[in-house]
């Protein structure tokens, strides 16, 4: 991988910007620079707040997609452009050889001194760097991990590796059961050098609640501390140098199967099988006390787990909605048979707010059913986090037409038209009426198991889909839900996205993990 594959990106908005709007953007950029002037200071870092974009965390890599769900808010939306309607000049590449479990996240590094970037990824057995070499997806380096001496299932081992990030110093952080590994380049600043383990953190024995406990999610706070959650609802904050750590144990009978979201004020958002939490990181400790910024809220957790669901309660990593002076929420889908999208007030509940009838907590700002256009629906389900941009929130349907309760079998079968789920629904918060409403439904699209992404530059949603048993890359209009393009990949099971995320890179590229490797859709010339 010797050629440069993107030092900068031009965001084509598709309309002319008048002087007033340009002046506003300049003010916003200046404000962002004033607010976010700390961190690693790598060349080319852009510390700005632009419109609906979450505040920049200066401790993550200066990259279009440096971590799971794109940013600490876990919105899975980006300022960068993906493909537009015309994909005739686009090429699909597949890179295999990754057995055992898919790379759920492909984290894009910051720019190296020579202008290159790499894609960091991992499975339970392998950590790798990849990139585009001569327009073809290829590995730069691969390294076998230390063997796992555990009795956990393949799914649990894979879940523990799912949420990763690259920091502003180029370290790739990967949780693995009870440890967090910091991987990097053997030769600092050289993207082609071997992968080395720079340091390892292990949860102390006296902080573990169970022999089968493992790290289920990873994020990064705005002061540069790594934040993790275990499947037994233990929250941890650890320095990136691994020389200090803090822990908070939530309810003993609670479990988590999702990652966590972080805001710029020290809020850590955790959804368990029983409760929704804001855990407050004070800089020297963790608390849920309201007097110190934390809170605990009830929600409808539901009952049995099926389809491709991985745990009880919510099937979604919490997503943060609202920036600046906007209304601010935490967004999840709940665990009811007929799934609801739920918004919780993120900060203080408005003093005049009246609890919504039928909800379990006054902190709930909205709770409405997700029917995917079927008014008679009695069941719906999603295992993906809610994709958010501005006040918009997208939910994809993962309710399979099967009675199987084995998630692996269901993932494999989700390719087949008679089993696959159909539907996507977008919701929007109205700050004037303080109500959430469904604004469109696409009943035809099938996005069986992948995490969707949204580009603010193209105003499109992207995700791995299926049509007539063939895997595809689908694009929908964010405002209308209408299909914009469907790029056929093929029917081979190796293209199954298998819980992996679609991600937006430089130069209009899309990436996704697959069941045995990773995939890229990119302009022919790049």
Protein backbone atom coordinates (compact mmCIF):
# COMPACT_ATOMS: atom_id res chain seq x y z
CA UNK A 1 0.00 0.00 0.00
CA UNK A 2 2.43 2.65 -1.23
CA UNK A 3 0.10 5.21 -2.73
CA UNK A 4 -1.70 7.89 -0.78
CA UNK A 5 -5.38 7.15 -0.29
CA UNK A 6 -6.69 10.43 0.94
CA UNK A 7 -5.25 13.33 2.91
CA UNK A 8 -8.32 15.53 2.73
CA UNK A 9 -11.92 15.39 1.68
CA UNK A 10 -14.21 17.78 -0.11
CA UNK A 11 -17.77 17.72 1.18
CA UNK A 12 -20.05 18.42 -1.75
CA UNK A 13 -23.27 19.90 -0.38
CA UNK A 14 -24.92 20.10 -3.77
CA UNK A 15 -25.97 23.76 -3.53
CA UNK A 16 -24.36 27.18 -3.44
CA UNK A 17 -23.63 28.67 -0.06
CA UNK A 18 -24.42 32.36 0.28
CA UNK A 19 -22.19 34.75 2.18
CA UNK A 20 -24.38 34.79 5.30
CA UNK A 21 -24.30 31.03 5.67
CA UNK A 22 -20.55 30.98 4.96
CA UNK A 23 -20.04 33.58 7.68
CA UNK A 24 -22.07 31.46 10.09
CA UNK A 25 -19.95 28.40 9.29
CA UNK A 26 -16.78 30.40 9.91
CA UNK A 27 -18.12 31.51 13.31
CA UNK A 28 -19.04 27.91 14.18
CA UNK A 29 -15.61 26.67 13.15
CA UNK A 30 -13.94 29.38 15.24
CA UNK A 31 -16.15 28.49 18.20
CA UNK A 32 -15.23 24.82 17.84
CA UNK A 33 -11.55 25.66 17.77
CA UNK A 34 -11.92 27.68 20.96
CA UNK A 35 -13.87 24.96 22.74
CA UNK A 36 -11.61 22.06 21.75
CA UNK A 37 -8.00 23.15 21.92
CA UNK A 38 -6.67 20.32 24.09
CA UNK A 39 -5.65 16.80 23.12
CA UNK A 40 -2.90 15.25 21.04
CA UNK A 41 -2.51 18.10 18.57
CA UNK A 42 -1.67 15.89 15.60
CA UNK A 43 -1.17 17.79 12.32
CA UNK A 44 -4.37 18.26 10.38
CA UNK A 45 -6.72 17.87 13.34
CA UNK A 46 -9.97 19.77 12.83
CA UNK A 47 -11.59 20.76 16.13
CA UNK A 48 -14.97 22.13 15.12
CA UNK A 49 -18.65 21.93 15.81
CA UNK A 50 -20.60 22.12 12.54
CA UNK A 51 -24.35 22.26 12.69
CA UNK A 52 -25.59 18.86 13.94
CA UNK A 53 -22.11 17.39 14.34
CA UNK A 54 -21.24 16.25 17.89
CA UNK A 55 -18.36 18.06 19.59
CA UNK A 56 -14.98 16.83 18.39
CA UNK A 57 -13.20 14.58 20.85
CA UNK A 58 -9.54 15.60 20.44
CA UNK A 59 -8.27 12.27 21.77
CA UNK A 60 -9.59 10.12 18.91
CA UNK A 61 -7.78 9.92 15.57
CA UNK A 62 -8.39 12.76 13.11
CA UNK A 63 -10.23 10.46 10.76
CA UNK A 64 -13.60 10.07 9.02
CA UNK A 65 -14.42 6.94 11.09
CA UNK A 66 -11.94 6.36 13.95
CA UNK A 67 -14.15 4.21 16.17
CA UNK A 68 -17.27 2.10 16.49
CA UNK A 69 -20.41 4.08 15.57
CA UNK A 70 -18.17 6.91 14.22
CA UNK A 71 -17.95 9.10 17.36
CA UNK A 72 -18.42 9.02 21.16
CA UNK A 73 -22.09 9.99 20.68
CA UNK A 74 -22.46 6.67 18.75
CA UNK A 75 -24.54 8.34 16.03
CA UNK A 76 -23.10 6.37 13.07
CA UNK A 77 -23.45 9.54 10.98
CA UNK A 78 -20.73 11.58 9.33
CA UNK A 79 -19.91 14.86 7.60
CA UNK A 80 -18.02 12.89 4.94
CA UNK A 81 -19.65 11.94 1.62
CA UNK A 82 -20.36 8.38 0.54
CA UNK A 83 -21.36 7.34 -2.97
CA UNK A 84 -24.12 9.25 -4.74
CA UNK A 85 -26.78 7.99 -7.13
CA UNK A 86 -24.36 7.15 -9.94
CA UNK A 87 -22.19 4.18 -8.91
CA UNK A 88 -21.22 3.21 -12.47
CA UNK A 89 -17.61 4.21 -11.77
CA UNK A 90 -17.51 2.33 -8.47
CA UNK A 91 -15.71 -0.93 -7.78
CA UNK A 92 -16.36 -3.58 -5.13
CA UNK A 93 -13.47 -5.26 -3.33
CA UNK A 94 -13.55 -8.15 -0.87
CA UNK A 95 -10.70 -9.15 1.43
CA UNK A 96 -11.05 -12.53 3.11
CA UNK A 97 -8.88 -14.86 5.20
CA UNK A 98 -10.45 -13.77 8.50
CA UNK A 99 -12.04 -16.88 9.90
CA UNK A 100 -13.90 -17.33 13.19
CA UNK A 101 -15.72 -13.98 13.48
CA UNK A 102 -16.20 -10.79 11.42
CA UNK A 103 -14.50 -7.48 12.17
CA UNK A 104 -17.54 -5.57 13.46
CA UNK A 105 -15.65 -2.26 13.35
CA UNK A 106 -13.01 -1.16 10.82
CA UNK A 107 -11.35 1.88 12.40
CA UNK A 108 -9.71 4.37 10.03
CA UNK A 109 -6.44 5.79 11.33
CA UNK A 110 -5.32 9.38 11.28
CA UNK A 111 -2.91 10.46 8.53
CA UNK A 112 0.68 9.23 8.84
CA UNK A 113 3.58 11.60 8.05
CA UNK A 114 3.59 10.35 4.43
CA UNK A 115 -0.14 11.12 4.09
CA UNK A 116 -1.26 7.48 4.15
CA UNK A 117 -3.85 5.96 6.44
CA UNK A 118 -4.62 2.38 7.39
CA UNK A 119 -7.73 0.46 8.36
CA UNK A 120 -7.38 -1.19 11.75
CA UNK A 121 -9.53 -4.23 12.45
CA UNK A 122 -9.64 -7.36 14.53
CA UNK A 123 -11.31 -10.69 15.22
CA UNK A 124 -10.93 -12.85 18.35
CA UNK A 125 -7.81 -14.41 16.79
CA UNK A 126 -6.27 -11.71 14.60
CA UNK A 127 -5.47 -7.99 14.53
CA UNK A 128 -4.72 -6.38 11.17
CA UNK A 129 -3.96 -3.26 9.17
CA UNK A 130 -5.42 -2.98 5.67
CA UNK A 131 -5.75 -0.41 2.93
CA UNK A 132 -6.23 0.21 -0.79
CA UNK A 133 -3.14 -0.69 -2.81
CA UNK A 134 -3.44 0.22 -6.47
CA UNK A 135 -7.22 0.39 -6.08
CA UNK A 136 -7.42 -3.07 -4.49
CA UNK A 137 -8.20 -3.82 -0.85
CA UNK A 138 -5.26 -5.65 0.74
CA UNK A 139 -3.64 -6.37 4.08
CA UNK A 140 -0.73 -4.24 5.16
CA UNK A 141 0.06 -6.38 8.21
CA UNK A 142 -1.59 -9.13 10.25
CA UNK A 143 -0.74 -10.43 13.70
CA UNK A 144 -2.10 -13.43 15.54
CA UNK A 145 -3.42 -12.63 19.01
CA UNK A 146 -2.53 -14.48 22.17
CA UNK A 147 -4.75 -17.57 22.53
CA UNK A 148 -7.98 -17.14 24.49
CA UNK A 149 -8.06 -19.46 27.49
CA UNK A 150 -11.78 -19.09 28.20
CA UNK A 151 -14.95 -21.16 28.11
CA UNK A 152 -17.07 -18.43 26.52
CA UNK A 153 -19.03 -19.03 23.32
CA UNK A 154 -17.80 -17.83 19.92
CA UNK A 155 -20.45 -15.11 19.98
CA UNK A 156 -19.37 -13.86 23.42
CA UNK A 157 -15.71 -13.80 22.38
CA UNK A 158 -16.65 -11.91 19.22
CA UNK A 159 -18.86 -9.46 21.08
CA UNK A 160 -15.98 -8.63 23.41
CA UNK A 161 -13.84 -7.63 20.40
CA UNK A 162 -16.55 -5.70 18.57
CA UNK A 163 -16.12 -2.12 19.82
CA UNK A 164 -12.74 -0.57 19.06
CA UNK A 165 -11.10 2.80 18.42
CA UNK A 166 -7.90 4.49 17.20
CA UNK A 167 -6.68 7.36 19.36
CA UNK A 168 -4.89 10.53 18.33
CA UNK A 169 -1.49 8.89 18.95
CA UNK A 170 -2.27 6.06 16.55
CA UNK A 171 -2.90 3.38 19.17
CA UNK A 172 -5.60 0.85 18.26
CA UNK A 173 -7.51 -0.12 21.43
CA UNK A 174 -9.23 -3.50 21.44
CA UNK A 175 -11.08 -5.13 24.34
CA UNK A 176 -10.72 -8.89 24.66
CA UNK A 177 -12.62 -10.67 27.45
CA UNK A 178 -11.13 -9.06 30.61
CA UNK A 179 -8.32 -7.16 28.95
CA UNK A 180 -7.85 -4.09 26.76
CA UNK A 181 -4.97 -4.26 24.30
CA UNK A 182 -3.22 -1.24 22.86
CA UNK A 183 -1.78 -2.13 19.45
CA UNK A 184 0.46 0.04 17.33
CA UNK A 185 3.22 0.24 14.74
CA UNK A 186 6.61 -1.30 15.53
CA UNK A 187 8.17 1.75 13.89
CA UNK A 188 6.21 4.84 14.99
CA UNK A 189 4.93 6.81 12.01
CA UNK A 190 5.46 3.94 9.54
CA UNK A 191 2.14 2.44 8.38
CA UNK A 192 3.95 -0.51 6.74
CA UNK A 193 5.79 -1.65 9.87
CA UNK A 194 4.78 -4.69 11.89
CA UNK A 195 1.98 -4.61 14.46
CA UNK A 196 3.12 -4.74 18.07
CA UNK A 197 1.32 -4.91 21.40
CA UNK A 198 2.23 -1.65 23.10
CA UNK A 199 0.49 -2.29 26.43
CA UNK A 200 -2.22 -4.38 28.09
CA UNK A 201 -4.76 -3.57 30.80
CA UNK A 202 -6.52 -6.32 32.74
CA UNK A 203 -9.51 -5.89 35.04
CA UNK A 204 -8.30 -6.72 38.57
CA UNK A 205 -9.71 -9.94 40.02
CA UNK A 206 -11.33 -8.08 42.91
CA UNK A 207 -13.41 -6.02 40.43
CA UNK A 208 -14.87 -9.05 38.65
CA UNK A 209 -18.33 -10.31 39.54
CA UNK A 210 -18.35 -13.59 37.63
CA UNK A 211 -16.08 -16.12 35.95
CA UNK A 212 -17.88 -15.52 32.66
CA UNK A 213 -17.57 -11.72 32.81
CA UNK A 214 -16.15 -9.96 29.76
CA UNK A 215 -15.88 -6.44 28.35
CA UNK A 216 -18.90 -5.83 26.10
CA UNK A 217 -18.31 -2.24 24.94
CA UNK A 218 -15.65 0.47 24.64
CA UNK A 219 -15.73 4.24 24.16
CA UNK A 220 -13.54 7.23 24.98
CA UNK A 221 -14.33 10.19 27.24
CA UNK A 222 -13.62 13.76 26.22
CA UNK A 223 -10.70 13.94 28.66
CA UNK A 224 -9.00 11.04 26.85
CA UNK A 225 -9.88 8.28 29.33
CA UNK A 226 -11.05 4.95 27.91
CA UNK A 227 -14.49 3.89 29.12
CA UNK A 228 -15.77 0.30 29.06
CA UNK A 229 -18.75 -1.75 30.17
CA UNK A 230 -18.79 -5.46 31.00
CA UNK A 231 -21.58 -7.90 30.32
CA UNK A 232 -22.23 -7.96 34.08
CA UNK A 233 -22.84 -4.19 34.18
CA UNK A 234 -19.53 -3.00 35.58
CA UNK A 235 -18.44 0.40 34.24
CA UNK A 236 -14.71 1.09 34.06
CA UNK A 237 -12.66 4.17 33.25
CA UNK A 238 -8.96 3.63 32.53
CA UNK A 239 -6.23 5.95 31.32
CA UNK A 240 -4.86 5.24 27.85
CA UNK A 241 -1.47 4.61 29.45
CA UNK A 242 -3.20 1.98 31.65
CA UNK A 243 -1.69 3.39 34.84
CA UNK A 244 -4.97 4.32 36.58
CA UNK A 245 -8.48 2.87 36.63
CA UNK A 246 -11.85 3.46 38.31
CA UNK A 247 -14.85 1.13 38.56
CA UNK A 248 -18.57 1.29 39.32
CA UNK A 249 -20.74 -1.80 39.67
CA UNK A 250 -24.34 -1.34 38.59
CA UNK A 251 -27.17 -3.70 39.62
CA UNK A 252 -25.98 -7.24 40.43
CA UNK A 253 -28.73 -8.93 38.43
CA UNK A 254 -28.29 -6.71 35.36
CA UNK A 255 -26.52 -7.55 32.11
CA UNK A 256 -25.40 -5.62 29.05
CA UNK A 257 -24.93 -6.74 25.45
CA UNK A 258 -24.31 -3.31 23.91
CA UNK A 259 -21.66 -0.63 24.03
CA UNK A 260 -21.92 2.80 25.67
CA UNK A 261 -22.11 6.45 24.60
CA UNK A 262 -20.13 9.37 26.04
CA UNK A 263 -20.79 13.10 26.04
CA UNK A 264 -18.49 16.09 26.50
CA UNK A 265 -19.67 16.70 30.08
CA UNK A 266 -18.54 13.39 31.54
CA UNK A 267 -21.82 11.56 30.95
CA UNK A 268 -21.52 7.82 30.21
CA UNK A 269 -24.75 6.25 28.95
CA UNK A 270 -25.37 2.60 29.73
CA UNK A 271 -28.46 0.54 28.95
CA UNK A 272 -28.76 -2.74 30.83
CA UNK A 273 -31.30 -5.55 30.76
CA UNK A 274 -33.30 -3.61 33.38
CA UNK A 275 -32.42 0.10 33.48
CA UNK A 276 -31.08 3.10 31.58
CA UNK A 277 -28.20 4.94 33.29
CA UNK A 278 -26.25 8.11 33.04
CA UNK A 279 -23.03 7.31 34.91
CA UNK A 280 -21.15 10.50 35.64
CA UNK A 281 -17.37 10.55 35.32
CA UNK A 282 -16.21 13.31 37.67
CA UNK A 283 -12.53 13.09 36.78
CA UNK A 284 -11.70 11.08 39.87
CA UNK A 285 -14.66 8.74 40.24
CA UNK A 286 -17.91 7.32 38.83
CA UNK A 287 -21.38 7.94 40.22
CA UNK A 288 -25.08 7.72 39.37
CA UNK A 289 -26.05 10.31 42.00
CA UNK A 290 -28.24 13.05 40.51
CA UNK A 291 -26.53 15.67 42.68
CA UNK A 292 -23.33 14.93 40.75
CA UNK A 293 -24.90 14.65 37.28
CA UNK A 294 -25.87 10.98 37.13
CA UNK A 295 -29.33 9.40 36.92
CA UNK A 296 -31.16 6.08 36.64
CA UNK A 297 -34.36 5.53 34.64
CA UNK A 298 -36.74 2.65 34.05
CA UNK A 299 -37.79 1.46 30.59
CA UNK A 300 -39.76 -1.43 29.07
CA UNK A 301 -37.28 -4.29 28.94
CA UNK A 302 -39.52 -7.00 27.47
CA UNK A 303 -38.99 -10.73 27.68
CA UNK A 304 -37.53 -13.41 25.44
CA UNK A 305 -34.55 -12.93 23.11
CA UNK A 306 -34.74 -14.28 19.56
CA UNK A 307 -33.78 -13.65 15.94
CA UNK A 308 -30.33 -12.04 15.81
CA UNK A 309 -30.73 -10.35 19.20
CA UNK A 310 -27.76 -10.87 21.53
CA UNK A 311 -29.22 -10.01 24.93
CA UNK A 312 -32.19 -9.06 27.09
CA UNK A 313 -33.68 -5.58 27.20
CA UNK A 314 -32.60 -3.05 24.59
CA UNK A 315 -30.97 -4.28 21.40
CA UNK A 316 -29.21 -0.98 20.80
CA UNK A 317 -26.13 0.85 21.99
CA UNK A 318 -27.41 4.18 23.38
CA UNK A 319 -27.17 7.03 20.86
CA UNK A 320 -26.96 10.70 21.84
CA UNK A 321 -29.18 13.24 20.07
CA UNK A 322 -28.83 17.01 20.27
CA UNK A 323 -25.84 19.37 20.48
CA UNK A 324 -25.26 22.96 21.56
CA UNK A 325 -28.54 24.60 22.57
CA UNK A 326 -30.70 21.86 21.06
CA UNK A 327 -32.86 19.55 23.17
CA UNK A 328 -30.61 16.70 24.29
CA UNK A 329 -31.59 13.02 24.53
CA UNK A 330 -30.37 9.46 24.84
CA UNK A 331 -32.02 7.25 22.21
CA UNK A 332 -32.59 3.49 22.39
CA UNK A 333 -35.01 0.87 21.15
CA UNK A 334 -36.62 -1.06 24.00
CA UNK A 335 -37.25 -4.76 24.57
CA UNK A 336 -41.02 -4.98 24.14
CA UNK A 337 -42.46 -7.53 21.72
CA UNK A 338 -43.55 -4.57 19.64
CA UNK A 339 -40.34 -2.58 19.93
CA UNK A 340 -40.61 1.13 20.78
CA UNK A 341 -38.11 3.89 20.14
CA UNK A 342 -37.43 5.70 23.42
CA UNK A 343 -35.93 9.13 24.09
CA UNK A 344 -34.67 10.03 27.57
CA UNK A 345 -33.91 13.59 28.63
CA UNK A 346 -30.10 13.60 28.81
CA UNK A 347 -29.55 16.41 31.29
CA UNK A 348 -32.03 17.87 33.77
CA UNK A 349 -35.67 17.08 33.04
CA UNK A 350 -37.55 20.30 32.13
CA UNK A 351 -39.31 21.55 35.26
CA UNK A 352 -42.71 21.66 33.53
CA UNK A 353 -42.37 18.22 31.96
CA UNK A 354 -45.29 15.90 32.74
CA UNK A 355 -44.65 12.16 32.64
CA UNK A 356 -46.07 10.58 29.48
CA UNK A 357 -48.97 8.24 30.34
CA UNK A 358 -48.03 4.59 29.99
CA UNK A 359 -44.29 5.14 30.42
CA UNK A 360 -42.22 3.86 33.33
CA UNK A 361 -40.25 7.02 34.06
CA UNK A 362 -40.68 10.79 33.98
CA UNK A 363 -37.27 11.06 32.26
CA UNK A 364 -38.76 9.49 29.11
CA UNK A 365 -39.34 12.26 26.56
CA UNK A 366 -40.87 9.99 23.91
CA UNK A 367 -41.87 6.35 23.56
CA UNK A 368 -43.61 5.29 20.36
CA UNK A 369 -43.97 1.91 18.60
CA UNK A 370 -41.80 0.94 15.65
CA UNK A 371 -44.14 -0.84 13.23
CA UNK A 372 -42.24 -0.45 9.93
CA UNK A 373 -45.50 0.60 8.31
CA UNK A 374 -47.69 -2.25 9.52
CA UNK A 375 -50.51 -0.82 11.69
CA UNK A 376 -51.44 -4.37 12.77
CA UNK A 377 -47.91 -5.26 13.90
CA UNK A 378 -47.60 -7.02 17.25
CA UNK A 379 -43.85 -7.71 16.99
CA UNK A 380 -40.79 -5.81 15.80
CA UNK A 381 -37.12 -6.06 16.64
CA UNK A 382 -33.73 -4.49 15.94
CA UNK A 383 -30.23 -5.37 17.14
CA UNK A 384 -28.69 -2.22 15.66
CA UNK A 385 -28.13 1.07 17.43
CA UNK A 386 -30.34 3.94 16.30
CA UNK A 387 -28.68 6.00 13.55
CA UNK A 388 -29.01 9.70 14.45
CA UNK A 389 -28.42 12.98 12.65
CA UNK A 390 -29.80 16.22 14.08
CA UNK A 391 -33.27 15.39 15.44
CA UNK A 392 -33.66 12.47 13.00
CA UNK A 393 -33.43 8.83 14.15
CA UNK A 394 -33.41 5.75 11.90
CA UNK A 395 -34.40 2.23 13.02
CA UNK A 396 -33.85 -0.82 10.79
CA UNK A 397 -35.90 -4.01 11.00
CA UNK A 398 -34.12 -7.20 12.15
CA UNK A 399 -37.28 -9.26 12.82
CA UNK A 400 -36.70 -12.52 10.93
CA UNK A 401 -39.38 -14.85 9.65
CA UNK A 402 -38.11 -17.86 11.60
CA UNK A 403 -38.76 -19.76 14.82
CA UNK A 404 -35.07 -20.52 15.37
CA UNK A 405 -33.55 -19.08 18.54
CA UNK A 406 -29.94 -19.70 17.44
CA UNK A 407 -28.44 -16.30 16.44
CA UNK A 408 -25.73 -17.90 14.28
CA UNK A 409 -28.25 -19.89 12.24
CA UNK A 410 -30.42 -16.81 12.00
CA UNK A 411 -27.53 -14.65 10.77
CA UNK A 412 -26.84 -17.18 8.00
CA UNK A 413 -30.53 -17.49 7.08
CA UNK A 414 -31.08 -13.72 7.03
CA UNK A 415 -29.82 -13.70 3.43
CA UNK A 416 -32.81 -15.65 2.15
CA UNK A 417 -35.84 -13.63 0.99
CA UNK A 418 -38.42 -15.75 2.83
CA UNK A 419 -36.55 -15.35 6.13
CA UNK A 420 -35.01 -11.87 5.77
CA UNK A 421 -36.50 -8.83 7.53
CA UNK A 422 -37.94 -5.91 5.57
CA UNK A 423 -38.35 -2.30 6.54
CA UNK A 424 -36.71 0.86 7.86
CA UNK A 425 -38.41 3.71 9.68
CA UNK A 426 -37.26 7.23 10.45
CA UNK A 427 -38.47 9.31 13.37
CA UNK A 428 -38.00 12.99 14.09
CA UNK A 429 -38.19 15.07 17.26
CA UNK A 430 -40.14 18.34 16.98
CA UNK A 431 -38.66 20.82 19.49
CA UNK A 432 -41.68 23.11 19.15
CA UNK A 433 -44.33 20.55 20.06
CA UNK A 434 -41.85 18.43 22.06
CA UNK A 435 -43.06 15.29 20.35
CA UNK A 436 -41.45 12.46 18.41
CA UNK A 437 -43.19 11.29 15.23
CA UNK A 438 -42.62 8.83 12.43
CA UNK A 439 -41.78 10.76 9.25
CA UNK A 440 -41.36 7.93 6.76
CA UNK A 441 -41.32 4.17 6.34
CA UNK A 442 -39.66 2.13 3.62
CA UNK A 443 -41.40 -1.26 3.74
CA UNK A 444 -39.45 -2.79 0.84
CA UNK A 445 -35.80 -2.44 1.82
CA UNK A 446 -34.14 -5.43 3.49
CA UNK A 447 -31.15 -4.67 5.73
CA UNK A 448 -30.82 -8.04 7.46
CA UNK A 449 -28.13 -7.59 10.10
CA UNK A 450 -25.69 -4.74 9.42
CA UNK A 451 -25.36 -1.41 11.23
CA UNK A 452 -26.39 1.51 8.97
CA UNK A 453 -24.42 4.73 8.41
CA UNK A 454 -25.58 8.19 7.33
CA UNK A 455 -23.71 10.88 5.36
CA UNK A 456 -24.69 14.50 5.97
CA UNK A 457 -22.83 15.44 2.77
CA UNK A 458 -24.92 13.24 0.47
CA UNK A 459 -28.00 13.05 2.76
CA UNK A 460 -28.03 9.28 2.25
CA UNK A 461 -28.24 6.21 4.48
CA UNK A 462 -25.98 3.27 3.59
CA UNK A 463 -26.19 -0.35 4.75
CA UNK A 464 -25.61 -3.90 3.57
CA UNK A 465 -28.88 -5.30 2.23
CA UNK A 466 -30.26 -8.25 0.32
CA UNK A 467 -32.38 -8.50 -2.79
CA UNK A 468 -33.62 -11.88 -4.02
CA UNK A 469 -30.91 -13.60 -1.97
CA UNK A 470 -28.09 -11.43 -3.31
CA UNK A 471 -26.12 -9.23 -0.95
CA UNK A 472 -26.20 -5.54 -1.89
CA UNK A 473 -25.08 -2.13 -0.70
CA UNK A 474 -28.26 -0.09 -0.32
CA UNK A 475 -28.66 3.68 -0.21
CA UNK A 476 -31.82 5.47 0.95
CA UNK A 477 -32.67 9.17 1.00
CA UNK A 478 -32.49 10.44 4.61
CA UNK A 479 -35.43 12.82 4.12
CA UNK A 480 -37.83 10.53 2.25
CA UNK A 481 -36.66 6.94 2.68
CA UNK A 482 -36.80 6.43 -1.08
CA UNK A 483 -34.16 4.11 -2.58
CA UNK A 484 -31.31 5.94 -4.33
CA UNK A 485 -29.16 3.02 -5.44
CA UNK A 486 -28.65 -0.68 -4.87
CA UNK A 487 -25.19 -2.02 -5.68
CA UNK A 488 -25.25 -5.79 -6.15
CA UNK A 489 -22.38 -7.59 -4.39
CA UNK A 490 -23.25 -11.26 -4.91
CA UNK A 491 -24.90 -14.29 -3.36
CA UNK A 492 -21.84 -15.84 -1.73
CA UNK A 493 -22.35 -16.22 2.06
CA UNK A 494 -18.92 -14.64 2.61
CA UNK A 495 -20.55 -11.25 1.89
CA UNK A 496 -22.90 -11.59 4.89
CA UNK A 497 -22.36 -8.48 7.04
CA UNK A 498 -22.94 -10.52 10.20
CA UNK A 499 -23.62 -7.63 12.66
CA UNK A 500 -20.84 -5.48 11.12
CA UNK A 501 -21.13 -1.74 10.53
CA UNK A 502 -21.17 0.11 7.24
CA UNK A 503 -18.69 2.97 7.56
CA UNK A 504 -17.92 6.04 5.47
CA UNK A 505 -14.30 6.72 4.53
CA UNK A 506 -12.48 9.25 2.40
CA UNK A 507 -13.18 9.86 -1.29
CA UNK A 508 -16.71 8.46 -1.17
CA UNK A 509 -15.69 5.00 0.05
CA UNK A 510 -17.81 2.59 2.05
CA UNK A 511 -16.43 -0.18 4.25
CA UNK A 512 -18.03 -3.08 6.09
CA UNK A 513 -16.89 -6.20 7.85
CA UNK A 514 -18.24 -9.53 6.62
CA UNK A 515 -18.50 -13.03 8.00
CA UNK A 516 -14.97 -13.96 6.88
CA UNK A 517 -13.35 -10.64 6.00
CA UNK A 518 -14.11 -7.09 4.97
CA UNK A 519 -15.59 -5.26 1.98
CA UNK A 520 -15.08 -1.91 0.28
CA UNK A 521 -17.08 0.01 -2.31
CA UNK A 522 -14.93 2.73 -3.82
CA UNK A 523 -14.46 4.87 -6.93
CA UNK A 524 -12.64 2.90 -9.66
CA UNK A 525 -9.81 5.43 -9.76
CA UNK A 526 -9.03 5.37 -6.04
